[in-house]
Amino acid sequence: MGPDGHMASLFPGHDQINEKVKWVTFITDSPKPPPKRITFTLPVINCASYNVMAVCDKEQADSVEAALTHTKDVPAGRLTADVEVVWFLDQAAASKLKGGCSIL
C-alpha cells in the first residue's frame, strides 16, 4: 500500500478502482512511476480466500487508519476476502490507530 492508500496500481481518484466487470485493467497516467501499468481489478483481488496487506513506515499511517476504519476513499479500504484479510503493520504504520491493534 502506498502513502495515498493505493494498492495493486489501483489509485484514489482513478476510475480503475470502480471496475466491476473486467478482470484486468490498465492505467496510463499513474501518479507514481511507471505511468503505464496493468493490474487486477477489485473483483479479482477480493475473490481470494485470504488477502494480506503489509505496510511499513509512518508516511502510510493516515492511509492505514482510513483503510481500517473502512473509509472507501482509499483503495486499500476496499480490500476484502472470502475468508480473511490480514494486515501486517510496523509500529509507525499503526501509529494513528486507536486501540484494537495488537503488536506481535
Protein backbone atom coordinates (compact mmCIF):
# COMPACT_ATOMS: atom_id res chain seq x y z
CA MET A 1 0.00 0.00 0.00
CA GLY A 2 1.27 3.44 -0.89
CA PRO A 3 1.03 6.60 1.21
CA ASP A 4 -2.09 7.60 -0.76
CA GLY A 5 -3.79 4.28 0.06
CA HIS A 6 -3.31 2.79 -3.40
CA MET A 7 -2.80 -0.92 -3.86
CA ALA A 8 -2.13 -3.09 -6.89
CA SER A 9 -1.91 0.01 -9.13
CA LEU A 10 -5.46 0.99 -8.13
CA PHE A 11 -5.13 4.66 -7.25
CA PRO A 12 -7.54 7.05 -5.49
CA GLY A 13 -9.38 9.31 -7.89
CA HIS A 14 -8.92 6.99 -10.89
CA ASP A 15 -11.79 5.04 -12.48
CA GLN A 16 -10.00 1.67 -12.37
CA ILE A 17 -10.96 1.28 -8.71
CA ASN A 18 -14.64 1.15 -9.73
CA GLU A 19 -14.28 -1.54 -12.44
CA LYS A 20 -16.78 -4.31 -11.72
CA VAL A 21 -16.77 -6.47 -14.87
CA LYS A 22 -13.24 -6.80 -16.23
CA TRP A 23 -10.65 -9.00 -14.51
CA VAL A 24 -7.71 -6.85 -15.57
CA THR A 25 -7.45 -3.12 -16.20
CA PHE A 26 -4.76 -0.61 -17.08
CA ILE A 27 -3.68 2.90 -16.25
CA THR A 28 -1.69 5.22 -18.50
CA ASP A 29 -1.31 8.18 -16.13
CA SER A 30 -0.20 6.62 -12.86
CA PRO A 31 0.69 9.23 -10.22
CA LYS A 32 3.78 7.11 -9.46
CA PRO A 33 6.31 5.82 -11.99
CA PRO A 34 5.94 3.99 -14.24
CA PRO A 35 2.97 5.84 -15.74
CA LYS A 36 1.70 2.82 -17.72
CA ARG A 37 0.61 -0.19 -15.67
CA ILE A 38 -1.72 -3.17 -15.76
CA THR A 39 -3.42 -4.63 -12.69
CA PHE A 40 -6.09 -6.98 -11.46
CA THR A 41 -9.41 -5.36 -10.59
CA LEU A 42 -11.02 -5.43 -7.14
CA PRO A 43 -13.47 -8.24 -8.04
CA VAL A 44 -10.48 -10.49 -8.81
CA ILE A 45 -8.40 -9.41 -5.83
CA ASN A 46 -11.32 -9.66 -3.40
CA CYS A 47 -12.42 -13.14 -4.50
CA ALA A 48 -9.30 -14.63 -2.91
CA SER A 49 -9.84 -16.73 0.18
CA TYR A 50 -7.21 -14.69 2.01
CA ASN A 51 -5.63 -11.31 1.34
CA VAL A 52 -2.61 -9.89 3.12
CA MET A 53 -1.55 -6.26 3.33
CA ALA A 54 1.91 -5.46 4.66
CA VAL A 55 2.64 -1.81 5.44
CA CYS A 56 5.70 -0.15 6.92
CA ASP A 57 6.59 3.45 7.76
CA LYS A 58 4.89 6.50 9.21
CA GLU A 59 4.08 8.06 5.82
CA GLN A 60 1.40 5.38 5.35
CA ALA A 61 -0.17 5.86 8.82
CA ASP A 62 -3.02 8.14 7.65
CA SER A 63 -3.96 5.75 4.84
CA VAL A 64 -3.77 2.75 7.18
CA GLU A 65 -6.19 4.49 9.53
CA ALA A 66 -8.53 5.38 6.65
CA ALA A 67 -8.45 1.86 5.24
CA LEU A 68 -9.04 0.12 8.57
CA THR A 69 -11.88 2.42 9.55
CA HIS A 70 -13.47 1.36 6.27
CA THR A 71 -13.08 4.67 4.52
CA LYS A 72 -13.77 3.87 0.88
CA ASP A 73 -11.81 6.99 -0.11
CA VAL A 74 -8.62 4.92 -0.26
CA PRO A 75 -8.45 1.82 -2.45
CA ALA A 76 -6.91 -0.25 0.37
CA GLY A 77 -10.10 0.39 2.33
CA ARG A 78 -11.96 -1.70 -0.22
CA LEU A 79 -9.80 -4.80 0.30
CA THR A 80 -11.82 -7.85 1.32
CA ALA A 81 -11.52 -11.62 1.01
CA ASP A 82 -13.81 -14.63 1.13
CA VAL A 83 -12.31 -15.81 4.44
CA GLU A 84 -9.95 -13.24 5.96
CA VAL A 85 -7.88 -10.12 5.36
CA VAL A 86 -4.74 -9.87 7.48
CA TRP A 87 -2.83 -6.61 7.92
CA PHE A 88 0.83 -6.67 8.96
CA LEU A 89 1.87 -3.24 10.21
CA ASP A 90 5.01 -1.93 11.80
CA GLN A 91 4.60 0.36 14.80
CA ALA A 92 4.98 3.52 12.67
CA ALA A 93 2.29 2.46 10.16
CA ALA A 94 -0.06 1.61 13.03
CA SER A 95 0.64 4.84 14.93
CA LYS A 96 -2.71 6.51 14.03
CA LEU A 97 -4.87 3.54 15.06
CA LYS A 98 -6.82 3.88 18.26
CA GLY A 99 -6.93 0.64 20.24
CA GLY A 100 -7.78 -2.73 18.79
CA CYS A 101 -4.25 -3.24 17.49
CA SER A 102 -2.06 -5.95 18.92
CA ILE A 103 1.68 -5.99 18.38
CA LEU A 104 3.14 -9.41 17.79
